[in-house]
Protein backbone atom coordinates (compact mmCIF):
# COMPACT_ATOMS: atom_id res chain seq x y z
CA MET A 1 86.91 -37.49 63.08
CA GLU A 2 88.15 -37.38 59.47
CA SER A 3 85.17 -35.74 58.03
CA ASN A 4 85.24 -32.82 60.73
CA LYS A 5 86.52 -29.34 59.80
CA PRO A 6 89.79 -28.28 61.44
CA VAL A 7 89.76 -25.45 64.03
CA GLU A 8 92.29 -22.65 64.40
CA THR A 9 92.88 -22.73 68.16
CA PRO A 10 93.67 -25.78 70.38
CA LEU A 11 91.33 -24.57 73.19
CA SER A 12 88.79 -21.77 73.16
CA TYR A 13 89.11 -19.09 75.98
CA ASP A 14 85.56 -19.81 77.23
CA TRP A 15 85.60 -23.70 77.19
CA LEU A 16 84.42 -23.97 80.83
CA LYS A 17 81.27 -21.94 80.06
CA ASP A 18 80.19 -24.49 77.53
CA ASN A 19 76.59 -25.52 77.48
CA VAL A 20 77.14 -29.29 77.69
CA THR A 21 75.60 -31.49 80.37
CA SER A 22 78.49 -31.64 82.51
CA CYS A 23 77.22 -34.18 84.91
CA GLU A 24 77.08 -37.08 82.45
CA VAL A 25 80.20 -39.20 82.69
CA VAL A 26 81.87 -40.83 79.70
CA GLU A 27 83.77 -44.11 79.34
CA LEU A 28 87.04 -43.61 81.10
CA THR A 29 89.09 -46.17 79.01
CA ILE A 30 88.25 -44.38 75.65
CA TYR A 31 88.73 -40.96 77.23
CA ARG A 32 92.16 -41.91 78.57
CA TRP A 33 93.16 -43.36 75.16
CA LEU A 34 91.97 -40.05 73.64
CA VAL A 35 93.92 -37.92 76.02
CA GLY A 36 96.98 -40.07 76.02
CA SER A 37 97.57 -39.77 72.20
CA PRO A 38 98.22 -35.94 72.13
CA MET A 39 100.54 -36.20 75.26
CA TYR A 40 103.35 -37.43 72.91
CA LEU A 41 102.88 -34.45 70.71
CA VAL A 42 103.39 -31.86 73.45
CA ASN A 43 107.16 -31.98 72.91
CA THR A 44 106.79 -31.08 69.21
CA GLN A 45 103.83 -28.83 69.37
CA PRO A 46 103.94 -26.82 72.58
CA GLU A 47 100.80 -24.84 71.73
CA ILE A 48 98.67 -27.77 72.72
CA SER A 49 100.40 -28.25 76.16
CA PHE A 50 97.73 -26.26 78.09
CA ALA A 51 94.79 -28.03 76.57
CA VAL A 52 96.31 -31.44 77.12
CA ASN A 53 97.17 -30.47 80.80
CA GLN A 54 93.50 -29.47 81.32
CA LEU A 55 92.27 -32.71 79.76
CA SER A 56 94.69 -34.89 81.72
CA LYS A 57 93.40 -33.59 85.05
CA GLU A 58 90.11 -35.28 84.45
CA THR A 59 91.23 -38.85 83.74
CA ILE A 60 89.54 -40.10 87.04
CA LYS A 61 85.96 -39.01 86.25
CA SER A 62 85.59 -37.27 83.00
CA THR A 63 82.48 -35.70 81.72
CA LYS A 64 80.87 -34.80 78.32
CA LEU A 65 82.50 -31.36 78.44
CA TYR A 66 86.01 -32.74 78.67
CA TRP A 67 85.09 -35.21 75.83
CA LYS A 68 84.03 -32.36 73.72
CA VAL A 69 87.26 -30.27 74.42
CA ALA A 70 89.41 -33.49 73.70
CA LYS A 71 87.67 -33.79 70.28
CA HIS A 72 88.43 -29.93 69.68
CA VAL A 73 92.17 -30.53 70.31
CA LEU A 74 91.94 -33.45 67.72
CA ARG A 75 90.27 -31.19 65.18
CA TYR A 76 93.08 -28.53 65.78
CA LEU A 77 95.75 -31.09 65.32
CA ARG A 78 94.06 -32.14 62.01
CA GLY A 79 94.45 -28.66 60.89
CA THR A 80 98.16 -28.42 61.54
CA THR A 81 99.30 -31.47 59.43
């Protein structure tokens, strides 16, 4: 993720309409770790609270769409430091 370019918004407005194979499930342990890390930053960076909330709803059965959105949030955080 270090070589990726930062983005300007934590979550795009049409993220649910993304063309990603949404039926494909990702590994839950890695997804939970990926979503759990930004949860600590919600107190200091409230602009990511909606995105982290949407991601945390899918910790039981996450798909490729939510994986892509979680990586988008990380790219946003990279641009804020």
